[in-house]
Amino acid sequence: MNQHQTEDAFFGRLGYIDIQWMAERLRNPVRMYTGLCDTICPPSTQFAVYNKIAAPKELVVYPDFTHEELPRAWDDILLLLLKDAQEA
């Protein structure tokens, strides 16, 4: 089995993995949050993933945000989790 000798080598190889090819395996509902000014995870790559998700999905877009804390996102996520827990 190959081993990466350094952390840099590990993360260098990890850069070749494109998550969009795994998106169609998702079966649970997905809510994605996207900042349209994000340069770390560009919106084009996020949309590529989103478009391949076959599960129920929702996209929340923040037009003026980058790769940062999104206003009210954690409140929104917590409410969604609480709702799911009550329905279970």
N, C-alpha and C. Protein backbone atom coordinates (compact mmCIF):
# COMPACT_ATOMS: atom_id res chain seq x y z
N MET A 1 0.85 -1.18 0.00
CA MET A 1 0.00 0.00 0.00
C MET A 1 0.89 1.24 0.00
N ASN A 2 0.58 2.17 -0.87
CA ASN A 2 1.35 3.41 -0.90
C ASN A 2 1.04 4.26 0.31
N GLN A 3 2.07 4.89 0.82
CA GLN A 3 1.89 5.83 1.92
C GLN A 3 2.46 7.17 1.50
N HIS A 4 1.81 8.22 1.95
CA HIS A 4 2.31 9.56 1.69
C HIS A 4 3.37 9.87 2.73
N GLN A 5 4.51 10.32 2.28
CA GLN A 5 5.60 10.58 3.19
C GLN A 5 5.45 11.90 3.94
N THR A 6 4.72 12.82 3.37
CA THR A 6 4.57 14.11 4.02
C THR A 6 3.12 14.57 3.94
N GLU A 7 2.80 15.50 4.80
CA GLU A 7 1.46 16.09 4.79
C GLU A 7 1.21 16.80 3.46
N ASP A 8 2.24 17.48 2.94
CA ASP A 8 2.09 18.18 1.66
C ASP A 8 1.76 17.21 0.53
N ALA A 9 2.42 16.05 0.52
CA ALA A 9 2.15 15.06 -0.52
C ALA A 9 0.72 14.54 -0.41
N PHE A 10 0.27 14.31 0.82
CA PHE A 10 -1.09 13.83 1.04
C PHE A 10 -2.11 14.82 0.50
N PHE A 11 -1.98 16.08 0.90
CA PHE A 11 -2.95 17.08 0.45
C PHE A 11 -2.78 17.42 -1.03
N GLY A 12 -1.60 17.23 -1.56
CA GLY A 12 -1.39 17.40 -2.99
C GLY A 12 -2.19 16.39 -3.79
N ARG A 13 -2.19 15.15 -3.34
CA ARG A 13 -2.97 14.11 -4.02
C ARG A 13 -4.47 14.29 -3.79
N LEU A 14 -4.83 14.75 -2.62
CA LEU A 14 -6.24 14.97 -2.31
C LEU A 14 -6.86 15.98 -3.26
N GLY A 15 -6.06 16.90 -3.78
CA GLY A 15 -6.55 17.90 -4.72
C GLY A 15 -7.08 17.31 -6.02
N TYR A 16 -6.75 16.06 -6.30
CA TYR A 16 -7.23 15.42 -7.53
C TYR A 16 -8.63 14.83 -7.38
N ILE A 17 -9.16 14.81 -6.17
CA ILE A 17 -10.48 14.24 -5.94
C ILE A 17 -11.53 15.31 -6.19
N ASP A 18 -12.47 15.01 -7.04
CA ASP A 18 -13.56 15.94 -7.34
C ASP A 18 -14.84 15.34 -6.78
N ILE A 19 -15.37 15.96 -5.76
CA ILE A 19 -16.51 15.43 -5.03
C ILE A 19 -17.77 15.31 -5.88
N GLN A 20 -17.83 16.03 -7.00
CA GLN A 20 -19.05 15.96 -7.82
C GLN A 20 -19.33 14.54 -8.30
N TRP A 21 -18.30 13.72 -8.44
CA TRP A 21 -18.51 12.36 -8.93
C TRP A 21 -19.09 11.45 -7.86
N MET A 22 -19.13 11.91 -6.62
CA MET A 22 -19.73 11.13 -5.53
C MET A 22 -21.12 11.64 -5.17
N ALA A 23 -21.50 12.79 -5.70
CA ALA A 23 -22.75 13.44 -5.31
C ALA A 23 -23.98 12.59 -5.62
N GLU A 24 -23.95 11.85 -6.71
CA GLU A 24 -25.13 11.06 -7.07
C GLU A 24 -25.38 9.91 -6.11
N ARG A 25 -24.43 9.61 -5.23
CA ARG A 25 -24.61 8.55 -4.23
C ARG A 25 -25.40 9.03 -3.01
N LEU A 26 -25.55 10.34 -2.86
CA LEU A 26 -26.27 10.87 -1.71
C LEU A 26 -27.73 10.44 -1.77
N ARG A 27 -28.26 10.01 -0.64
CA ARG A 27 -29.66 9.57 -0.57
C ARG A 27 -30.48 10.41 0.40
N ASN A 28 -29.83 11.05 1.35
CA ASN A 28 -30.53 11.87 2.33
C ASN A 28 -30.70 13.29 1.80
N PRO A 29 -31.69 14.01 2.31
CA PRO A 29 -31.89 15.39 1.86
C PRO A 29 -30.64 16.25 2.10
N VAL A 30 -30.42 17.17 1.19
CA VAL A 30 -29.23 18.03 1.22
C VAL A 30 -29.66 19.49 1.16
N ARG A 31 -29.05 20.30 2.01
CA ARG A 31 -29.20 21.75 1.91
C ARG A 31 -27.79 22.31 1.76
N MET A 32 -27.54 22.96 0.62
CA MET A 32 -26.22 23.55 0.35
C MET A 32 -26.30 25.06 0.51
N TYR A 33 -25.23 25.61 1.07
CA TYR A 33 -25.10 27.06 1.22
C TYR A 33 -23.94 27.51 0.36
N THR A 34 -24.17 28.50 -0.49
CA THR A 34 -23.16 28.94 -1.44
C THR A 34 -23.00 30.45 -1.40
N GLY A 35 -21.75 30.89 -1.20
CA GLY A 35 -21.43 32.31 -1.33
C GLY A 35 -20.94 32.55 -2.75
N LEU A 36 -21.60 33.42 -3.48
CA LEU A 36 -21.24 33.61 -4.89
C LEU A 36 -19.89 34.27 -5.10
N CYS A 37 -19.30 34.85 -4.06
CA CYS A 37 -17.98 35.47 -4.17
C CYS A 37 -16.89 34.58 -3.60
N ASP A 38 -17.19 33.31 -3.36
CA ASP A 38 -16.25 32.37 -2.76
C ASP A 38 -15.16 32.01 -3.77
N THR A 39 -13.91 32.24 -3.41
CA THR A 39 -12.79 31.87 -4.27
C THR A 39 -12.13 30.58 -3.82
N ILE A 40 -12.44 30.11 -2.61
CA ILE A 40 -11.88 28.85 -2.11
C ILE A 40 -12.66 27.66 -2.67
N CYS A 41 -13.99 27.75 -2.60
CA CYS A 41 -14.88 26.75 -3.21
C CYS A 41 -15.74 27.51 -4.21
N PRO A 42 -15.24 27.72 -5.42
CA PRO A 42 -15.96 28.53 -6.41
C PRO A 42 -17.38 28.02 -6.65
N PRO A 43 -18.33 28.95 -6.81
CA PRO A 43 -19.72 28.55 -7.04
C PRO A 43 -19.88 27.57 -8.21
N SER A 44 -19.08 27.70 -9.24
CA SER A 44 -19.22 26.78 -10.39
C SER A 44 -19.00 25.33 -9.96
N THR A 45 -18.06 25.10 -9.05
CA THR A 45 -17.83 23.73 -8.58
C THR A 45 -18.94 23.28 -7.66
N GLN A 46 -19.47 24.20 -6.87
CA GLN A 46 -20.58 23.85 -5.98
C GLN A 46 -21.83 23.52 -6.79
N PHE A 47 -22.08 24.29 -7.85
CA PHE A 47 -23.24 24.01 -8.70
C PHE A 47 -23.09 22.68 -9.42
N ALA A 48 -21.86 22.33 -9.80
CA ALA A 48 -21.62 21.03 -10.44
C ALA A 48 -22.00 19.89 -9.51
N VAL A 49 -21.64 20.03 -8.24
CA VAL A 49 -22.02 19.02 -7.25
C VAL A 49 -23.53 19.01 -7.06
N TYR A 50 -24.10 20.18 -6.84
CA TYR A 50 -25.54 20.29 -6.58
C TYR A 50 -26.37 19.67 -7.71
N ASN A 51 -25.98 19.93 -8.93
CA ASN A 51 -26.74 19.42 -10.08
C ASN A 51 -26.71 17.91 -10.20
N LYS A 52 -25.73 17.26 -9.59
CA LYS A 52 -25.62 15.80 -9.67
C LYS A 52 -26.26 15.08 -8.49
N ILE A 53 -26.75 15.83 -7.51
CA ILE A 53 -27.40 15.21 -6.36
C ILE A 53 -28.79 14.74 -6.77
N ALA A 54 -29.05 13.45 -6.58
CA ALA A 54 -30.35 12.89 -6.94
C ALA A 54 -31.34 12.95 -5.78
N ALA A 55 -30.84 13.10 -4.57
CA ALA A 55 -31.69 13.17 -3.38
C ALA A 55 -32.44 14.50 -3.34
N PRO A 56 -33.46 14.60 -2.49
CA PRO A 56 -34.10 15.91 -2.31
C PRO A 56 -33.05 16.94 -1.92
N LYS A 57 -33.13 18.12 -2.50
CA LYS A 57 -32.07 19.11 -2.28
C LYS A 57 -32.62 20.52 -2.30
N GLU A 58 -31.86 21.40 -1.67
CA GLU A 58 -32.19 22.82 -1.62
C GLU A 58 -30.88 23.60 -1.65
N LEU A 59 -30.86 24.68 -2.39
CA LEU A 59 -29.68 25.53 -2.49
C LEU A 59 -30.00 26.90 -1.92
N VAL A 60 -29.18 27.34 -0.96
CA VAL A 60 -29.33 28.66 -0.37
C VAL A 60 -28.14 29.49 -0.84
N VAL A 61 -28.43 30.57 -1.56
CA VAL A 61 -27.37 31.38 -2.18
C VAL A 61 -27.21 32.70 -1.43
N TYR A 62 -25.96 33.03 -1.14
CA TYR A 62 -25.59 34.31 -0.54
C TYR A 62 -24.80 35.09 -1.59
N PRO A 63 -25.45 36.01 -2.31
CA PRO A 63 -24.81 36.68 -3.46
C PRO A 63 -23.55 37.46 -3.12
N ASP A 64 -23.48 38.07 -1.95
CA ASP A 64 -22.36 38.97 -1.63
C ASP A 64 -21.36 38.37 -0.65
N PHE A 65 -21.35 37.06 -0.48
CA PHE A 65 -20.47 36.45 0.51
C PHE A 65 -19.41 35.57 -0.13
N THR A 66 -18.30 35.44 0.60
CA THR A 66 -17.19 34.59 0.16
C THR A 66 -17.23 33.29 0.96
N HIS A 67 -16.07 32.75 1.28
CA HIS A 67 -15.93 31.53 2.06
C HIS A 67 -15.84 31.96 3.53
N GLU A 68 -16.96 32.26 4.13
CA GLU A 68 -17.00 32.84 5.47
C GLU A 68 -18.24 32.37 6.20
N GLU A 69 -18.33 32.77 7.45
CA GLU A 69 -19.53 32.48 8.25
C GLU A 69 -20.73 33.16 7.60
N LEU A 70 -21.75 32.40 7.33
CA LEU A 70 -22.93 32.94 6.65
C LEU A 70 -23.99 33.32 7.68
N PRO A 71 -24.55 34.51 7.54
CA PRO A 71 -25.54 34.97 8.53
C PRO A 71 -26.72 34.02 8.62
N ARG A 72 -27.06 33.68 9.83
CA ARG A 72 -28.23 32.86 10.15
C ARG A 72 -28.14 31.43 9.65
N ALA A 73 -27.07 31.05 8.99
CA ALA A 73 -26.99 29.68 8.46
C ALA A 73 -27.05 28.65 9.58
N TRP A 74 -26.31 28.86 10.67
CA TRP A 74 -26.31 27.87 11.75
C TRP A 74 -27.65 27.82 12.45
N ASP A 75 -28.33 28.97 12.58
CA ASP A 75 -29.68 28.96 13.15
C ASP A 75 -30.61 28.14 12.26
N ASP A 76 -30.49 28.33 10.97
CA ASP A 76 -31.30 27.61 9.99
C ASP A 76 -31.04 26.10 10.07
N ILE A 77 -29.78 25.73 10.16
CA ILE A 77 -29.40 24.31 10.23
C ILE A 77 -29.94 23.68 11.52
N LEU A 78 -29.80 24.39 12.63
CA LEU A 78 -30.30 23.88 13.91
C LEU A 78 -31.81 23.67 13.87
N LEU A 79 -32.54 24.63 13.32
CA LEU A 79 -34.00 24.48 13.21
C LEU A 79 -34.37 23.29 12.34
N LEU A 80 -33.64 23.08 11.26
CA LEU A 80 -33.89 21.94 10.39
C LEU A 80 -33.65 20.62 11.12
N LEU A 81 -32.56 20.55 11.88
CA LEU A 81 -32.26 19.33 12.64
C LEU A 81 -33.31 19.07 13.72
N LEU A 82 -33.74 20.12 14.40
CA LEU A 82 -34.77 19.96 15.43
C LEU A 82 -36.09 19.48 14.82
N LYS A 83 -36.44 20.03 13.67
CA LYS A 83 -37.66 19.61 12.98
C LYS A 83 -37.58 18.13 12.60
N ASP A 84 -36.43 17.72 12.06
CA ASP A 84 -36.25 16.32 11.68
C ASP A 84 -36.33 15.40 12.90
N ALA A 85 -35.76 15.84 14.03
CA ALA A 85 -35.78 15.03 15.25
C ALA A 85 -37.20 14.87 15.78
N GLN A 86 -38.00 15.92 15.67
CA GLN A 86 -39.38 15.84 16.14
C GLN A 86 -40.22 14.93 15.26
N GLU A 87 -39.91 14.88 13.98
CA GLU A 87 -40.67 14.05 13.05
C GLU A 87 -40.28 12.58 13.15
N ALA A 88 -39.11 12.30 13.71
CA ALA A 88 -38.62 10.91 13.79
C ALA A 88 -39.32 10.12 14.87
